[in-house]
Amino acid sequence: ADGNWSNPATWDANAVPTGVDSAIVAAHTVTIDLAGLAINNLTVQGSLEFGATPATFNVNGNLTVEAGGEFLVFSGTTGKAIVVTGNIVNDGNIDLSVGATTAGSLTLNGSAVQSISGSGTFANNLIRNLIFTNTSTAVPNINWGFDGISVAYNLNIANAKINLNGNKITFGIGSAVVADTGNT
């Protein structure tokens, strides 16, 4: 149902999902309303958005945003953060375009190879801050599948070996372009 993540009545199981559970946000609007909330695998078919209080939401497994689904990673004009340990399949819309400087971020922190794929969009082709901290020793350990994304403020790469798959990421809104040269 429409409602706050922390309200058991929002969920058909009448229980709040935790960091070890998997959940589907069906054709409803669910608001991440408290700090410290997390999920294992998450599928968004409706709308998932942040309330004012929490700054970060952890997806300890895979994040799937289906066609018509949206994940709004902000509250008002304040950017929020998502941390994803598994893969992202974005066939809908993930909005990380709101926020100033360090607000609004996507962190990929898996310990196995991660893929970011799909036919959807990152709103405005913009991610405020993109952080790669994947610790897998595989080369590459991140397979990036979106072209023309601009990273507005911070692009942090620690331990990651990224395959852009022929895609380009622009860093600093219109300044430097990180292009796939075939090397990771």
Protein backbone atom coordinates (compact mmCIF):
# COMPACT_ATOMS: atom_id res chain seq x y z
CA ALA A 1 0.00 0.00 0.00
CA ASP A 2 1.04 3.65 -0.17
CA GLY A 3 2.84 4.55 3.02
CA ASN A 4 6.05 4.72 5.02
CA TRP A 5 8.62 1.95 4.78
CA SER A 6 8.59 1.56 8.58
CA ASN A 7 4.83 0.99 8.77
CA PRO A 8 3.92 -2.73 8.76
CA ALA A 9 0.58 -1.88 7.09
CA THR A 10 2.49 -0.73 3.99
CA TRP A 11 3.57 -4.33 3.33
CA ASP A 12 1.34 -7.27 2.41
CA ALA A 13 3.13 -9.41 5.01
CA ASN A 14 2.17 -6.80 7.67
CA ALA A 15 5.83 -6.69 8.67
CA VAL A 16 8.61 -4.21 7.90
CA PRO A 17 11.28 -5.76 5.64
CA THR A 18 14.84 -5.76 6.98
CA GLY A 19 18.32 -5.95 5.48
CA VAL A 20 18.08 -9.72 5.04
CA ASP A 21 14.65 -9.66 3.36
CA SER A 22 13.68 -9.15 -0.26
CA ALA A 23 10.80 -6.82 -1.13
CA ILE A 24 8.75 -5.51 -4.03
CA VAL A 25 7.38 -1.98 -4.05
CA ALA A 26 4.35 -2.69 -6.25
CA ALA A 27 2.21 -0.02 -7.95
CA HIS A 28 2.28 2.22 -4.88
CA THR A 29 4.37 5.03 -3.39
CA VAL A 30 6.56 3.99 -0.47
CA THR A 31 8.59 6.53 1.51
CA ILE A 32 11.89 5.63 3.19
CA ASP A 33 11.11 7.42 6.44
CA LEU A 34 13.72 6.36 9.02
CA ALA A 35 17.50 6.20 9.20
CA GLY A 36 19.09 2.75 9.27
CA LEU A 37 16.63 1.02 6.93
CA ALA A 38 17.99 -1.57 4.49
CA ILE A 39 16.87 -4.41 2.25
CA ASN A 40 18.51 -7.42 0.61
CA ASN A 41 17.00 -7.57 -2.89
CA LEU A 42 14.62 -4.81 -3.96
CA THR A 43 12.29 -4.55 -6.95
CA VAL A 44 10.56 -1.23 -7.59
CA GLN A 45 7.46 -1.33 -9.79
CA GLY A 46 5.82 1.79 -8.34
CA SER A 47 7.56 4.72 -6.68
CA LEU A 48 10.15 4.61 -3.90
CA GLU A 49 11.16 7.94 -2.42
CA PHE A 50 13.01 9.40 0.55
CA GLY A 51 11.47 11.27 3.44
CA ALA A 52 13.31 14.13 5.16
CA THR A 53 15.05 12.12 7.91
CA PRO A 54 17.14 9.31 6.38
CA ALA A 55 20.29 10.21 4.46
CA THR A 56 21.16 6.72 3.17
CA PHE A 57 19.41 3.52 2.13
CA ASN A 58 21.32 0.25 1.69
CA VAL A 59 20.45 -2.43 -0.84
CA ASN A 60 22.51 -5.39 0.35
CA GLY A 61 21.74 -7.41 -2.79
CA ASN A 62 20.27 -6.48 -6.18
CA LEU A 63 18.23 -3.39 -7.10
CA THR A 64 15.73 -3.72 -9.94
CA VAL A 65 13.65 -0.77 -11.12
CA GLU A 66 11.08 -2.09 -13.57
CA ALA A 67 9.59 -0.18 -16.52
CA GLY A 68 7.27 2.47 -15.09
CA GLY A 69 8.98 2.29 -11.69
CA GLU A 70 10.97 5.09 -10.14
CA PHE A 71 13.43 5.47 -7.28
CA LEU A 72 13.65 9.12 -6.19
CA VAL A 73 16.87 9.52 -4.22
CA PHE A 74 16.07 12.92 -2.71
CA SER A 75 13.64 14.73 -0.44
CA GLY A 76 12.62 18.18 -1.64
CA THR A 77 15.89 19.73 -2.81
CA THR A 78 18.10 17.52 -0.61
CA GLY A 79 19.94 14.69 -2.31
CA LYS A 80 20.13 11.36 -0.49
CA ALA A 81 22.35 8.28 -0.94
CA ILE A 82 21.88 4.69 -2.02
CA VAL A 83 24.49 2.00 -1.46
CA VAL A 84 24.14 -1.12 -3.62
CA THR A 85 26.12 -4.30 -3.01
CA GLY A 86 24.68 -6.33 -5.90
CA ASN A 87 23.60 -5.58 -9.45
CA ILE A 88 21.37 -2.79 -10.69
CA VAL A 89 18.85 -3.39 -13.46
CA ASN A 90 17.25 -0.04 -14.27
CA ASP A 91 14.39 -0.33 -16.76
CA GLY A 92 12.56 2.59 -15.09
CA ASN A 93 13.98 5.79 -13.65
CA ILE A 94 16.51 6.36 -10.87
CA ASP A 95 16.76 10.02 -9.91
CA LEU A 96 20.10 10.97 -8.38
CA SER A 97 20.09 14.42 -10.02
CA VAL A 98 18.93 16.44 -6.99
CA GLY A 99 21.23 17.86 -4.35
CA ALA A 100 24.23 20.06 -3.90
CA THR A 101 27.88 19.08 -3.82
CA THR A 102 28.18 15.82 -1.85
CA ALA A 103 24.43 15.24 -1.44
CA GLY A 104 22.91 12.71 -3.82
CA SER A 105 25.10 9.67 -4.35
CA LEU A 106 25.24 6.14 -5.70
CA THR A 107 27.82 3.82 -4.14
CA LEU A 108 28.63 0.43 -5.66
CA ASN A 109 30.38 -1.48 -2.90
CA GLY A 110 30.08 -5.15 -3.80
CA SER A 111 32.60 -7.90 -3.15
CA ALA A 112 31.62 -9.77 -6.34
CA VAL A 113 31.36 -8.49 -9.92
CA GLN A 114 28.56 -5.91 -10.25
CA SER A 115 26.59 -4.98 -13.36
CA ILE A 116 24.64 -1.80 -13.94
CA SER A 117 22.32 -2.38 -16.88
CA GLY A 118 18.85 -1.78 -18.26
CA SER A 119 16.83 0.23 -20.73
CA GLY A 120 15.74 2.92 -18.27
CA THR A 121 17.19 6.28 -17.32
CA PHE A 122 19.08 8.10 -14.66
CA ALA A 123 17.04 11.34 -14.48
CA ASN A 124 18.58 14.14 -16.53
CA ASN A 125 21.45 11.72 -17.34
CA LEU A 126 22.94 13.00 -14.09
CA ILE A 127 24.34 11.43 -10.94
CA ARG A 128 25.52 13.97 -8.35
CA ASN A 129 28.17 11.68 -6.85
CA LEU A 130 29.25 8.24 -8.09
CA ILE A 131 31.40 6.07 -5.82
CA PHE A 132 32.97 2.77 -6.88
CA THR A 133 34.39 0.74 -3.97
CA ASN A 134 33.96 -2.81 -5.29
CA THR A 135 36.54 -5.12 -3.69
CA SER A 136 36.32 -8.12 -6.03
CA THR A 137 39.68 -9.10 -7.53
CA ALA A 138 38.02 -9.90 -10.87
CA VAL A 139 38.95 -7.68 -13.81
CA PRO A 140 36.62 -5.95 -14.48
CA ASN A 141 34.68 -5.99 -11.24
CA ILE A 142 32.07 -3.46 -12.44
CA ASN A 143 30.29 -3.64 -15.80
CA TRP A 144 28.71 -0.26 -16.58
CA GLY A 145 25.85 -0.24 -19.10
CA PHE A 146 24.64 3.38 -19.35
CA ASP A 147 25.95 5.93 -21.84
CA GLY A 148 26.07 9.70 -21.52
CA ILE A 149 25.87 9.95 -17.73
CA SER A 150 27.31 13.10 -16.16
CA VAL A 151 28.76 12.96 -12.67
CA ALA A 152 28.32 16.45 -11.26
CA TYR A 153 30.56 16.61 -8.22
CA ASN A 154 32.52 13.56 -7.10
CA LEU A 155 33.64 10.49 -9.00
CA ASN A 156 35.48 8.25 -6.54
CA ILE A 157 37.12 5.02 -7.68
CA ALA A 158 38.72 2.79 -5.04
CA ASN A 159 39.67 -0.81 -5.95
CA ALA A 160 37.23 -0.82 -8.85
CA LYS A 161 38.16 -2.05 -12.31
CA ILE A 162 35.35 -0.70 -14.50
CA ASN A 163 34.33 -1.88 -17.96
CA LEU A 164 32.38 0.98 -19.53
CA ASN A 165 31.31 -1.30 -22.41
CA GLY A 166 31.85 1.48 -24.96
CA ASN A 167 29.86 3.97 -22.88
CA LYS A 168 31.02 7.39 -21.72
CA ILE A 169 30.76 9.07 -18.34
CA THR A 170 31.30 12.83 -18.16
CA PHE A 171 32.83 14.11 -14.95
CA GLY A 172 32.14 17.64 -13.70
CA ILE A 173 29.12 18.58 -15.85
CA GLY A 174 30.60 19.12 -19.27
CA SER A 175 34.30 19.01 -18.47
CA ALA A 176 36.33 15.81 -18.60
CA VAL A 177 35.01 12.72 -20.37
CA VAL A 178 35.94 9.27 -19.16
CA ALA A 179 35.83 7.09 -22.27
CA ASP A 180 36.14 3.35 -22.74
CA THR A 181 39.48 2.62 -24.38
CA GLY A 182 39.06 -1.13 -24.19
CA ASN A 183 41.19 -1.29 -21.06
CA THR A 184 39.86 -1.56 -17.51
